Amino acid sequence: MLAVGVITFALGAFIAIYITRIITAPLERTAAIADTIASGDLTTQIDVAGKDEAARLAHSLKVMQVNLVSAVSNIKQSTETMAVAARKIASGNADLSSRTKSQANSLEESA
């Protein structure tokens, strides 16, 4: 009777550990993906397999990563456009300043 109890306890412990690993392994993988994205690395390939909650979470992280890459790309492009416009404005200002100075010199010579 004692042997049956020990075997039952050991089997229960084994099943509990097995189920815990089945649940925590995908969550740990998903947490690692989130940590990678949070650290700023948007180049990591995210493979999604399964239809459980952890797979849905991994899929959401993949979509978020794609959207972040797109947003960063759009921001970079907008920044480059603004830099070009700022250079054109600076050039126009320098040209206007030069012409104003030239006009002022002409006025002084006329007076």
PDB file of N, CA and C in Angstrom:
ATOM      1  N   MET A   1       0.819  -1.190   0.000  1.00  0.00           N
ATOM      2  CA  MET A   1       0.000   0.000   0.000  1.00  0.00           C
ATOM      3  C   MET A   1       0.865   1.256   0.000  1.00  0.00           C
ATOM      4  N   LEU A   2       1.925   1.237   0.764  1.00  0.00           N
ATOM      5  CA  LEU A   2       2.853   2.360   0.816  1.00  0.00           C
ATOM      6  C   LEU A   2       3.538   2.552  -0.529  1.00  0.00           C
ATOM      7  N   ALA A   3       3.864   1.453  -1.185  1.00  0.00           N
ATOM      8  CA  ALA A   3       4.523   1.525  -2.491  1.00  0.00           C
ATOM      9  C   ALA A   3       3.595   2.169  -3.516  1.00  0.00           C
ATOM     10  N   VAL A   4       2.320   1.842  -3.467  1.00  0.00           N
ATOM     11  CA  VAL A   4       1.350   2.440  -4.387  1.00  0.00           C
ATOM     12  C   VAL A   4       1.271   3.951  -4.133  1.00  0.00           C
ATOM     13  N   GLY A   5       1.285   4.362  -2.883  1.00  0.00           N
ATOM     14  CA  GLY A   5       1.243   5.784  -2.533  1.00  0.00           C
ATOM     15  C   GLY A   5       2.484   6.519  -3.034  1.00  0.00           C
ATOM     16  N   VAL A   6       3.653   5.902  -2.875  1.00  0.00           N
ATOM     17  CA  VAL A   6       4.901   6.522  -3.337  1.00  0.00           C
ATOM     18  C   VAL A   6       4.891   6.630  -4.856  1.00  0.00           C
ATOM     19  N   ILE A   7       4.448   5.583  -5.528  1.00  0.00           N
ATOM     20  CA  ILE A   7       4.393   5.597  -6.994  1.00  0.00           C
ATOM     21  C   ILE A   7       3.402   6.659  -7.470  1.00  0.00           C
ATOM     22  N   THR A   8       2.261   6.738  -6.821  1.00  0.00           N
ATOM     23  CA  THR A   8       1.257   7.741  -7.181  1.00  0.00           C
ATOM     24  C   THR A   8       1.799   9.150  -6.971  1.00  0.00           C
ATOM     25  N   PHE A   9       2.483   9.356  -5.846  1.00  0.00           N
ATOM     26  CA  PHE A   9       3.077  10.662  -5.563  1.00  0.00           C
ATOM     27  C   PHE A   9       4.130  11.012  -6.616  1.00  0.00           C
ATOM     28  N   ALA A  10       4.988  10.070  -6.943  1.00  0.00           N
ATOM     29  CA  ALA A  10       6.040  10.309  -7.936  1.00  0.00           C
ATOM     30  C   ALA A  10       5.435  10.592  -9.302  1.00  0.00           C
ATOM     31  N   LEU A  11       4.426   9.842  -9.683  1.00  0.00           N
ATOM     32  CA  LEU A  11       3.753  10.068 -10.960  1.00  0.00           C
ATOM     33  C   LEU A  11       3.082  11.435 -10.984  1.00  0.00           C
ATOM     34  N   GLY A  12       2.438  11.812  -9.897  1.00  0.00           N
ATOM     35  CA  GLY A  12       1.801  13.133  -9.797  1.00  0.00           C
ATOM     36  C   GLY A  12       2.829  14.251  -9.901  1.00  0.00           C
ATOM     37  N   ALA A  13       3.977  14.083  -9.238  1.00  0.00           N
ATOM     38  CA  ALA A  13       5.033  15.093  -9.305  1.00  0.00           C
ATOM     39  C   ALA A  13       5.575  15.206 -10.727  1.00  0.00           C
ATOM     40  N   PHE A  14       5.774  14.070 -11.384  1.00  0.00           N
ATOM     41  CA  PHE A  14       6.267  14.071 -12.765  1.00  0.00           C
ATOM     42  C   PHE A  14       5.284  14.783 -13.690  1.00  0.00           C
ATOM     43  N   ILE A  15       4.008  14.491 -13.546  1.00  0.00           N
ATOM     44  CA  ILE A  15       2.986  15.121 -14.383  1.00  0.00           C
ATOM     45  C   ILE A  15       2.931  16.626 -14.112  1.00  0.00           C
ATOM     46  N   ALA A  16       3.035  17.007 -12.861  1.00  0.00           N
ATOM     47  CA  ALA A  16       3.008  18.436 -12.521  1.00  0.00           C
ATOM     48  C   ALA A  16       4.198  19.167 -13.139  1.00  0.00           C
ATOM     49  N   ILE A  17       5.360  18.578 -13.073  1.00  0.00           N
ATOM     50  CA  ILE A  17       6.556  19.195 -13.672  1.00  0.00           C
ATOM     51  C   ILE A  17       6.412  19.263 -15.184  1.00  0.00           C
ATOM     52  N   TYR A  18       5.915  18.214 -15.788  1.00  0.00           N
ATOM     53  CA  TYR A  18       5.739  18.166 -17.238  1.00  0.00           C
ATOM     54  C   TYR A  18       4.767  19.258 -17.707  1.00  0.00           C
ATOM     55  N   ILE A  19       3.636  19.361 -17.028  1.00  0.00           N
ATOM     56  CA  ILE A  19       2.635  20.368 -17.399  1.00  0.00           C
ATOM     57  C   ILE A  19       3.204  21.773 -17.193  1.00  0.00           C
ATOM     58  N   THR A  20       3.933  21.975 -16.123  1.00  0.00           N
ATOM     59  CA  THR A  20       4.550  23.283 -15.864  1.00  0.00           C
ATOM     60  C   THR A  20       5.508  23.655 -16.981  1.00  0.00           C
ATOM     61  N   ARG A  21       6.302  22.715 -17.428  1.00  0.00           N
ATOM     62  CA  ARG A  21       7.244  22.989 -18.525  1.00  0.00           C
ATOM     63  C   ARG A  21       6.525  23.262 -19.837  1.00  0.00           C
ATOM     64  N   ILE A  22       5.452  22.538 -20.084  1.00  0.00           N
ATOM     65  CA  ILE A  22       4.679  22.760 -21.307  1.00  0.00           C
ATOM     66  C   ILE A  22       4.118  24.185 -21.327  1.00  0.00           C
ATOM     67  N   ILE A  23       3.713  24.667 -20.166  1.00  0.00           N
ATOM     68  CA  ILE A  23       3.126  25.999 -20.088  1.00  0.00           C
ATOM     69  C   ILE A  23       4.198  27.084 -20.075  1.00  0.00           C
ATOM     70  N   THR A  24       5.255  26.894 -19.308  1.00  0.00           N
ATOM     71  CA  THR A  24       6.236  27.971 -19.131  1.00  0.00           C
ATOM     72  C   THR A  24       7.218  28.110 -20.284  1.00  0.00           C
ATOM     73  N   ALA A  25       7.532  27.043 -20.987  1.00  0.00           N
ATOM     74  CA  ALA A  25       8.516  27.144 -22.078  1.00  0.00           C
ATOM     75  C   ALA A  25       8.075  28.130 -23.171  1.00  0.00           C
ATOM     76  N   PRO A  26       6.833  28.036 -23.685  1.00  0.00           N
ATOM     77  CA  PRO A  26       6.418  29.023 -24.688  1.00  0.00           C
ATOM     78  C   PRO A  26       6.360  30.449 -24.133  1.00  0.00           C
ATOM     79  N   LEU A  27       5.977  30.577 -22.862  1.00  0.00           N
ATOM     80  CA  LEU A  27       5.929  31.904 -22.260  1.00  0.00           C
ATOM     81  C   LEU A  27       7.325  32.490 -22.092  1.00  0.00           C
ATOM     82  N   GLU A  28       8.293  31.666 -21.751  1.00  0.00           N
ATOM     83  CA  GLU A  28       9.671  32.140 -21.644  1.00  0.00           C
ATOM     84  C   GLU A  28      10.202  32.564 -23.004  1.00  0.00           C
ATOM     85  N   ARG A  29       9.860  31.816 -24.043  1.00  0.00           N
ATOM     86  CA  ARG A  29      10.277  32.170 -25.408  1.00  0.00           C
ATOM     87  C   ARG A  29       9.653  33.501 -25.811  1.00  0.00           C
ATOM     88  N   THR A  30       8.375  33.682 -25.513  1.00  0.00           N
ATOM     89  CA  THR A  30       7.685  34.920 -25.845  1.00  0.00           C
ATOM     90  C   THR A  30       8.256  36.094 -25.043  1.00  0.00           C
ATOM     91  N   ALA A  31       8.583  35.867 -23.790  1.00  0.00           N
ATOM     92  CA  ALA A  31       9.204  36.918 -22.975  1.00  0.00           C
ATOM     93  C   ALA A  31      10.565  37.304 -23.545  1.00  0.00           C
ATOM     94  N   ALA A  32      11.304  36.339 -24.034  1.00  0.00           N
ATOM     95  CA  ALA A  32      12.605  36.629 -24.644  1.00  0.00           C
ATOM     96  C   ALA A  32      12.436  37.484 -25.901  1.00  0.00           C
ATOM     97  N   ILE A  33      11.403  37.203 -26.676  1.00  0.00           N
ATOM     98  CA  ILE A  33      11.117  38.016 -27.866  1.00  0.00           C
ATOM     99  C   ILE A  33      10.793  39.445 -27.446  1.00  0.00           C
ATOM    100  N   ALA A  34       9.944  39.591 -26.435  1.00  0.00           N
ATOM    101  CA  ALA A  34       9.572  40.926 -25.955  1.00  0.00           C
ATOM    102  C   ALA A  34      10.801  41.670 -25.435  1.00  0.00           C
ATOM    103  N   ASP A  35      11.679  40.978 -24.724  1.00  0.00           N
ATOM    104  CA  ASP A  35      12.905  41.604 -24.217  1.00  0.00           C
ATOM    105  C   ASP A  35      13.791  42.076 -25.361  1.00  0.00           C
ATOM    106  N   THR A  36      13.875  41.285 -26.422  1.00  0.00           N
ATOM    107  CA  THR A  36      14.692  41.654 -27.585  1.00  0.00           C
ATOM    108  C   THR A  36      14.148  42.912 -28.246  1.00  0.00           C
ATOM    109  N   ILE A  37      12.841  42.969 -28.429  1.00  0.00           N
ATOM    110  CA  ILE A  37      12.225  44.153 -29.029  1.00  0.00           C
ATOM    111  C   ILE A  37      12.396  45.354 -28.107  1.00  0.00           C
ATOM    112  N   ALA A  38      12.206  45.155 -26.818  1.00  0.00           N
ATOM    113  CA  ALA A  38      12.344  46.250 -25.856  1.00  0.00           C
ATOM    114  C   ALA A  38      13.764  46.806 -25.819  1.00  0.00           C
ATOM    115  N   SER A  39      14.743  45.973 -26.118  1.00  0.00           N
ATOM    116  CA  SER A  39      16.131  46.435 -26.117  1.00  0.00           C
ATOM    117  C   SER A  39      16.471  47.219 -27.380  1.00  0.00           C
ATOM    118  N   GLY A  40      15.544  47.267 -28.343  1.00  0.00           N
ATOM    119  CA  GLY A  40      15.755  48.046 -29.558  1.00  0.00           C
ATOM    120  C   GLY A  40      16.127  47.223 -30.774  1.00  0.00           C
ATOM    121  N   ASP A  41      16.254  45.925 -30.624  1.00  0.00           N
ATOM    122  CA  ASP A  41      16.597  45.061 -31.755  1.00  0.00           C
ATOM    123  C   ASP A  41      15.310  44.680 -32.491  1.00  0.00           C
ATOM    124  N   LEU A  42      15.109  45.297 -33.648  1.00  0.00           N
ATOM    125  CA  LEU A  42      13.906  45.013 -34.428  1.00  0.00           C
ATOM    126  C   LEU A  42      14.197  44.087 -35.597  1.00  0.00           C
ATOM    127  N   THR A  43      15.371  43.465 -35.598  1.00  0.00           N
ATOM    128  CA  THR A  43      15.770  42.602 -36.712  1.00  0.00           C
ATOM    129  C   THR A  43      15.566  41.122 -36.431  1.00  0.00           C
ATOM    130  N   THR A  44      15.229  40.767 -35.224  1.00  0.00           N
ATOM    131  CA  THR A  44      15.067  39.366 -34.859  1.00  0.00           C
ATOM    132  C   THR A  44      13.892  38.743 -35.597  1.00  0.00           C
ATOM    133  N   GLN A  45      14.131  37.579 -36.170  1.00  0.00           N
ATOM    134  CA  GLN A  45      13.074  36.839 -36.859  1.00  0.00           C
ATOM    135  C   GLN A  45      12.176  36.188 -35.815  1.00  0.00           C
ATOM    136  N   ILE A  46      10.879  36.406 -35.904  1.00  0.00           N
ATOM    137  CA  ILE A  46       9.918  35.827 -34.961  1.00  0.00           C
ATOM    138  C   ILE A  46       9.103  34.787 -35.706  1.00  0.00           C
ATOM    139  N   ASP A  47       9.270  33.534 -35.309  1.00  0.00           N
ATOM    140  CA  ASP A  47       8.509  32.438 -35.905  1.00  0.00           C
ATOM    141  C   ASP A  47       7.376  32.070 -34.963  1.00  0.00           C
ATOM    142  N   VAL A  48       6.185  32.022 -35.496  1.00  0.00           N
ATOM    143  CA  VAL A  48       5.010  31.707 -34.688  1.00  0.00           C
ATOM    144  C   VAL A  48       4.499  30.340 -35.087  1.00  0.00           C
ATOM    145  N   ALA A  49       4.361  29.465 -34.100  1.00  0.00           N
ATOM    146  CA  ALA A  49       3.819  28.132 -34.337  1.00  0.00           C
ATOM    147  C   ALA A  49       2.808  27.833 -33.242  1.00  0.00           C
ATOM    148  N   GLY A  50       1.700  27.282 -33.625  1.00  0.00           N
ATOM    149  CA  GLY A  50       0.687  26.914 -32.648  1.00  0.00           C
ATOM    150  C   GLY A  50      -0.484  27.874 -32.657  1.00  0.00           C
ATOM    151  N   LYS A  51      -1.483  27.552 -31.856  1.00  0.00           N
ATOM    152  CA  LYS A  51      -2.687  28.373 -31.773  1.00  0.00           C
ATOM    153  C   LYS A  51      -3.062  28.657 -30.324  1.00  0.00           C
ATOM    154  N   ASP A  52      -2.144  28.373 -29.409  1.00  0.00           N
ATOM    155  CA  ASP A  52      -2.444  28.626 -28.005  1.00  0.00           C
ATOM    156  C   ASP A  52      -2.212  30.098 -27.670  1.00  0.00           C
ATOM    157  N   GLU A  53      -2.400  30.450 -26.407  1.00  0.00           N
ATOM    158  CA  GLU A  53      -2.281  31.835 -25.978  1.00  0.00           C
ATOM    159  C   GLU A  53      -0.870  32.377 -26.188  1.00  0.00           C
ATOM    160  N   ALA A  54       0.126  31.564 -25.922  1.00  0.00           N
ATOM    161  CA  ALA A  54       1.513  32.006 -26.101  1.00  0.00           C
ATOM    162  C   ALA A  54       1.811  32.262 -27.576  1.00  0.00           C
ATOM    163  N   ALA A  55       1.259  31.447 -28.465  1.00  0.00           N
ATOM    164  CA  ALA A  55       1.452  31.654 -29.898  1.00  0.00           C
ATOM    165  C   ALA A  55       0.740  32.921 -30.358  1.00  0.00           C
ATOM    166  N   ARG A  56      -0.429  33.178 -29.819  1.00  0.00           N
ATOM    167  CA  ARG A  56      -1.138  34.417 -30.148  1.00  0.00           C
ATOM    168  C   ARG A  56      -0.349  35.628 -29.678  1.00  0.00           C
ATOM    169  N   LEU A  57       0.243  35.520 -28.493  1.00  0.00           N
ATOM    170  CA  LEU A  57       1.067  36.604 -27.968  1.00  0.00           C
ATOM    171  C   LEU A  57       2.296  36.810 -28.847  1.00  0.00           C
ATOM    172  N   ALA A  58       2.931  35.721 -29.270  1.00  0.00           N
ATOM    173  CA  ALA A  58       4.097  35.820 -30.156  1.00  0.00           C
ATOM    174  C   ALA A  58       3.701  36.450 -31.487  1.00  0.00           C
ATOM    175  N   HIS A  59       2.533  36.100 -32.002  1.00  0.00           N
ATOM    176  CA  HIS A  59       2.059  36.702 -33.246  1.00  0.00           C
ATOM    177  C   HIS A  59       1.845  38.206 -33.063  1.00  0.00           C
ATOM    178  N   SER A  60       1.261  38.599 -31.934  1.00  0.00           N
ATOM    179  CA  SER A  60       1.059  40.025 -31.657  1.00  0.00           C
ATOM    180  C   SER A  60       2.393  40.757 -31.568  1.00  0.00           C
ATOM    181  N   LEU A  61       3.384  40.121 -30.969  1.00  0.00           N
ATOM    182  CA  LEU A  61       4.721  40.727 -30.905  1.00  0.00           C
ATOM    183  C   LEU A  61       5.327  40.868 -32.292  1.00  0.00           C
ATOM    184  N   LYS A  62       5.080  39.893 -33.152  1.00  0.00           N
ATOM    185  CA  LYS A  62       5.586  39.961 -34.524  1.00  0.00           C
ATOM    186  C   LYS A  62       4.948  41.127 -35.273  1.00  0.00           C
ATOM    187  N   VAL A  63       3.630  41.289 -35.126  1.00  0.00           N
ATOM    188  CA  VAL A  63       2.928  42.400 -35.770  1.00  0.00           C
ATOM    189  C   VAL A  63       3.440  43.732 -35.219  1.00  0.00           C
ATOM    190  N   MET A  64       3.633  43.790 -33.903  1.00  0.00           N
ATOM    191  CA  MET A  64       4.153  44.998 -33.285  1.00  0.00           C
ATOM    192  C   MET A  64       5.544  45.329 -33.828  1.00  0.00           C
ATOM    193  N   GLN A  65       6.380  44.321 -33.982  1.00  0.00           N
ATOM    194  CA  GLN A  65       7.730  44.525 -34.510  1.00  0.00           C
ATOM    195  C   GLN A  65       7.671  45.089 -35.935  1.00  0.00           C
ATOM    196  N   VAL A  66       6.822  44.523 -36.771  1.00  0.00           N
ATOM    197  CA  VAL A  66       6.683  44.996 -38.151  1.00  0.00           C
ATOM    198  C   VAL A  66       6.210  46.453 -38.154  1.00  0.00           C
ATOM    199  N   ASN A  67       5.242  46.778 -37.305  1.00  0.00           N
ATOM    200  CA  ASN A  67       4.729  48.142 -37.239  1.00  0.00           C
ATOM    201  C   ASN A  67       5.779  49.114 -36.700  1.00  0.00           C
ATOM    202  N   LEU A  68       6.573  48.680 -35.746  1.00  0.00           N
ATOM    203  CA  LEU A  68       7.650  49.529 -35.231  1.00  0.00           C
ATOM    204  C   LEU A  68       8.696  49.802 -36.303  1.00  0.00           C
ATOM    205  N   VAL A  69       9.053  48.782 -37.063  1.00  0.00           N
ATOM    206  CA  VAL A  69      10.022  48.967 -38.150  1.00  0.00           C
ATOM    207  C   VAL A  69       9.475  49.977 -39.156  1.00  0.00           C
ATOM    208  N   SER A  70       8.204  49.859 -39.481  1.00  0.00           N
ATOM    209  CA  SER A  70       7.574  50.787 -40.416  1.00  0.00           C
ATOM    210  C   SER A  70       7.563  52.206 -39.853  1.00  0.00           C
ATOM    211  N   ALA A  71       7.229  52.355 -38.584  1.00  0.00           N
ATOM    212  CA  ALA A  71       7.191  53.682 -37.966  1.00  0.00           C
ATOM    213  C   ALA A  71       8.579  54.314 -37.932  1.00  0.00           C
ATOM    214  N   VAL A  72       9.578  53.539 -37.556  1.00  0.00           N
ATOM    215  CA  VAL A  72      10.949  54.055 -37.517  1.00  0.00           C
ATOM    216  C   VAL A  72      11.397  54.466 -38.916  1.00  0.00           C
ATOM    217  N   SER A  73      11.051  53.677 -39.906  1.00  0.00           N
ATOM    218  CA  SER A  73      11.409  54.006 -41.284  1.00  0.00           C
ATOM    219  C   SER A  73      10.740  55.303 -41.726  1.00  0.00           C
ATOM    220  N   ASN A  74       9.463  55.462 -41.403  1.00  0.00           N
ATOM    221  CA  ASN A  74       8.745  56.690 -41.761  1.00  0.00           C
ATOM    222  C   ASN A  74       9.332  57.907 -41.048  1.00  0.00           C
ATOM    223  N   ILE A  75       9.683  57.753 -39.796  1.00  0.00           N
ATOM    224  CA  ILE A  75      10.288  58.855 -39.041  1.00  0.00           C
ATOM    225  C   ILE A  75      11.634  59.231 -39.648  1.00  0.00           C
ATOM    226  N   LYS A  76      12.418  58.233 -40.002  1.00  0.00           N
ATOM    227  CA  LYS A  76      13.722  58.504 -40.613  1.00  0.00           C
ATOM    228  C   LYS A  76      13.548  59.257 -41.924  1.00  0.00           C
ATOM    229  N   GLN A  77      12.612  58.821 -42.748  1.00  0.00           N
ATOM    230  CA  GLN A  77      12.373  59.481 -44.031  1.00  0.00           C
ATOM    231  C   GLN A  77      11.904  60.921 -43.813  1.00  0.00           C
ATOM    232  N   SER A  78      11.011  61.135 -42.848  1.00  0.00           N
ATOM    233  CA  SER A  78      10.530  62.488 -42.564  1.00  0.00           C
ATOM    234  C   SER A  78      11.650  63.372 -42.054  1.00  0.00           C
ATOM    235  N   THR A  79      12.526  62.816 -41.243  1.00  0.00           N
ATOM    236  CA  THR A  79      13.657  63.579 -40.725  1.00  0.00           C
ATOM    237  C   THR A  79      14.587  63.999 -41.853  1.00  0.00           C
ATOM    238  N   GLU A  80      14.837  63.100 -42.783  1.00  0.00           N
ATOM    239  CA  GLU A  80      15.692  63.433 -43.924  1.00  0.00           C
ATOM    240  C   GLU A  80      15.049  64.527 -44.782  1.00  0.00           C
ATOM    241  N   THR A  81      13.734  64.454 -44.972  1.00  0.00           N
ATOM    242  CA  THR A  81      13.021  65.485 -45.734  1.00  0.00           C
ATOM    243  C   THR A  81      13.127  66.833 -45.032  1.00  0.00           C
ATOM    244  N   MET A  82      12.976  66.842 -43.719  1.00  0.00           N
ATOM    245  CA  MET A  82      13.089  68.084 -42.952  1.00  0.00           C
ATOM    246  C   MET A  82      14.509  68.641 -43.007  1.00  0.00           C
ATOM    247  N   ALA A  83      15.510  67.777 -42.999  1.00  0.00           N
ATOM    248  CA  ALA A  83      16.895  68.243 -43.081  1.00  0.00           C
ATOM    249  C   ALA A  83      17.156  68.912 -44.420  1.00  0.00           C
ATOM    250  N   VAL A  84      16.636  68.337 -45.502  1.00  0.00           N
ATOM    251  CA  VAL A  84      16.794  68.943 -46.830  1.00  0.00           C
ATOM    252  C   VAL A  84      16.106  70.308 -46.859  1.00  0.00           C
ATOM    253  N   ALA A  85      14.889  70.375 -46.325  1.00  0.00           N
ATOM    254  CA  ALA A  85      14.158  71.644 -46.303  1.00  0.00           C
ATOM    255  C   ALA A  85      14.901  72.685 -45.466  1.00  0.00           C
ATOM    256  N   ALA A  86      15.471  72.268 -44.334  1.00  0.00           N
ATOM    257  CA  ALA A  86      16.219  73.201 -43.480  1.00  0.00           C
ATOM    258  C   ALA A  86      17.448  73.736 -44.210  1.00  0.00           C
ATOM    259  N   ARG A  87      18.136  72.860 -44.960  1.00  0.00           N
ATOM    260  CA  ARG A  87      19.297  73.320 -45.736  1.00  0.00           C
ATOM    261  C   ARG A  87      18.873  74.323 -46.806  1.00  0.00           C
ATOM    262  N   LYS A  88      17.737  74.078 -47.452  1.00  0.00           N
ATOM    263  CA  LYS A  88      17.245  75.015 -48.473  1.00  0.00           C
ATOM    264  C   LYS A  88      16.885  76.363 -47.842  1.00  0.00           C
ATOM    265  N   ILE A  89      16.259  76.334 -46.695  1.00  0.00           N
ATOM    266  CA  ILE A  89      15.906  77.572 -45.996  1.00  0.00           C
ATOM    267  C   ILE A  89      17.161  78.324 -45.599  1.00  0.00           C
ATOM    268  N   ALA A  90      18.146  77.620 -45.073  1.00  0.00           N
ATOM    269  CA  ALA A  90      19.408  78.259 -44.684  1.00  0.00           C
ATOM    270  C   ALA A  90      20.087  78.881 -45.894  1.00  0.00           C
ATOM    271  N   SER A  91      20.075  78.189 -47.010  1.00  0.00           N
ATOM    272  CA  SER A  91      20.674  78.712 -48.232  1.00  0.00           C
ATOM    273  C   SER A  91      19.921  79.948 -48.706  1.00  0.00           C
ATOM    274  N   GLY A  92      18.588  79.908 -48.668  1.00  0.00           N
ATOM    275  CA  GLY A  92      17.768  81.060 -49.041  1.00  0.00           C
ATOM    276  C   GLY A  92      18.023  82.244 -48.129  1.00  0.00           C
ATOM    277  N   ASN A  93      18.168  81.988 -46.837  1.00  0.00           N
ATOM    278  CA  ASN A  93      18.458  83.056 -45.884  1.00  0.00           C
ATOM    279  C   ASN A  93      19.817  83.686 -46.164  1.00  0.00           C
ATOM    280  N   ALA A  94      20.802  82.866 -46.471  1.00  0.00           N
ATOM    281  CA  ALA A  94      22.139  83.391 -46.775  1.00  0.00           C
ATOM    282  C   ALA A  94      22.090  84.232 -48.040  1.00  0.00           C
ATOM    283  N   ASP A  95      21.348  83.777 -49.035  1.00  0.00           N
ATOM    284  CA  ASP A  95      21.215  84.524 -50.277  1.00  0.00           C
ATOM    285  C   ASP A  95      20.511  85.861 -50.028  1.00  0.00           C
ATOM    286  N   LEU A  96      19.438  85.824 -49.251  1.00  0.00           N
ATOM    287  CA  LEU A  96      18.709  87.055 -48.929  1.00  0.00           C
ATOM    288  C   LEU A  96      19.599  88.020 -48.154  1.00  0.00           C
ATOM    289  N   SER A  97      20.361  87.505 -47.218  1.00  0.00           N
ATOM    290  CA  SER A  97      21.272  88.343 -46.441  1.00  0.00           C
ATOM    291  C   SER A  97      22.301  88.996 -47.347  1.00  0.00           C
ATOM    292  N   SER A  98      22.824  88.249 -48.290  1.00  0.00           N
ATOM    293  CA  SER A  98      23.822  88.774 -49.221  1.00  0.00           C
ATOM    294  C   SER A  98      23.213  89.879 -50.089  1.00  0.00           C
ATOM    295  N   ARG A  99      22.016  89.653 -50.581  1.00  0.00           N
ATOM    296  CA  ARG A  99      21.367  90.661 -51.417  1.00  0.00           C
ATOM    297  C   ARG A  99      21.017  91.905 -50.601  1.00  0.00           C
ATOM    298  N   THR A 100      20.581  91.709 -49.369  1.00  0.00           N
ATOM    299  CA  THR A 100      20.253  92.851 -48.507  1.00  0.00           C
ATOM    300  C   THR A 100      21.497  93.682 -48.236  1.00  0.00           C
ATOM    301  N   LYS A 101      22.598  92.988 -47.971  1.00  0.00           N
ATOM    302  CA  LYS A 101      23.859  93.684 -47.721  1.00  0.00           C
ATOM    303  C   LYS A 101      24.299  94.451 -48.968  1.00  0.00           C
ATOM    304  N   SER A 102      24.128  93.838 -50.121  1.00  0.00           N
ATOM    305  CA  SER A 102      24.487  94.477 -51.381  1.00  0.00           C
ATOM    306  C   SER A 102      23.626  95.721 -51.608  1.00  0.00           C
ATOM    307  N   GLN A 103      22.351  95.612 -51.337  1.00  0.00           N
ATOM    308  CA  GLN A 103      21.443  96.748 -51.487  1.00  0.00           C
ATOM    309  C   GLN A 103      21.814  97.867 -50.510  1.00  0.00           C
ATOM    310  N   ALA A 104      22.173  97.505 -49.292  1.00  0.00           N
ATOM    311  CA  ALA A 104      22.565  98.494 -48.303  1.00  0.00           C
ATOM    312  C   ALA A 104      23.827  99.206 -48.740  1.00  0.00           C
ATOM    313  N   ASN A 105      24.792  98.477 -49.292  1.00  0.00           N
ATOM    314  CA  ASN A 105      26.016  99.097 -49.783  1.00  0.00           C
ATOM    315  C   ASN A 105      25.708 100.033 -50.953  1.00  0.00           C
ATOM    316  N   SER A 106      24.812  99.634 -51.839  1.00  0.00           N
ATOM    317  CA  SER A 106      24.452 100.486 -52.968  1.00  0.00           C
ATOM    318  C   SER A 106      23.787 101.772 -52.490  1.00  0.00           C
ATOM    319  N   LEU A 107      22.945 101.667 -51.481  1.00  0.00           N
ATOM    320  CA  LEU A 107      22.287 102.836 -50.923  1.00  0.00           C
ATOM    321  C   LEU A 107      23.286 103.776 -50.275  1.00  0.00           C
ATOM    322  N   GLU A 108      24.279 103.205 -49.576  1.00  0.00           N
ATOM    323  CA  GLU A 108      25.291 104.040 -48.939  1.00  0.00           C
ATOM    324  C   GLU A 108      26.123 104.782 -49.986  1.00  0.00           C
ATOM    325  N   GLU A 109      26.414 104.115 -51.078  1.00  0.00           N
ATOM    326  CA  GLU A 109      27.198 104.737 -52.134  1.00  0.00           C
ATOM    327  C   GLU A 109      26.394 105.839 -52.810  1.00  0.00           C
ATOM    328  N   SER A 110      25.077 105.624 -52.931  1.00  0.00           N
ATOM    329  CA  SER A 110      24.213 106.626 -53.567  1.00  0.00           C
ATOM    330  C   SER A 110      24.060 107.852 -52.670  1.00  0.00           C
ATOM    331  N   ALA A 111      24.081 107.664 -51.392  1.00  0.00           N
ATOM    332  CA  ALA A 111      23.847 108.765 -50.461  1.00  0.00           C
ATOM    333  C   ALA A 111      25.056 109.565 -50.267  1.00  0.00           C
TER     334      ALA A 111
END
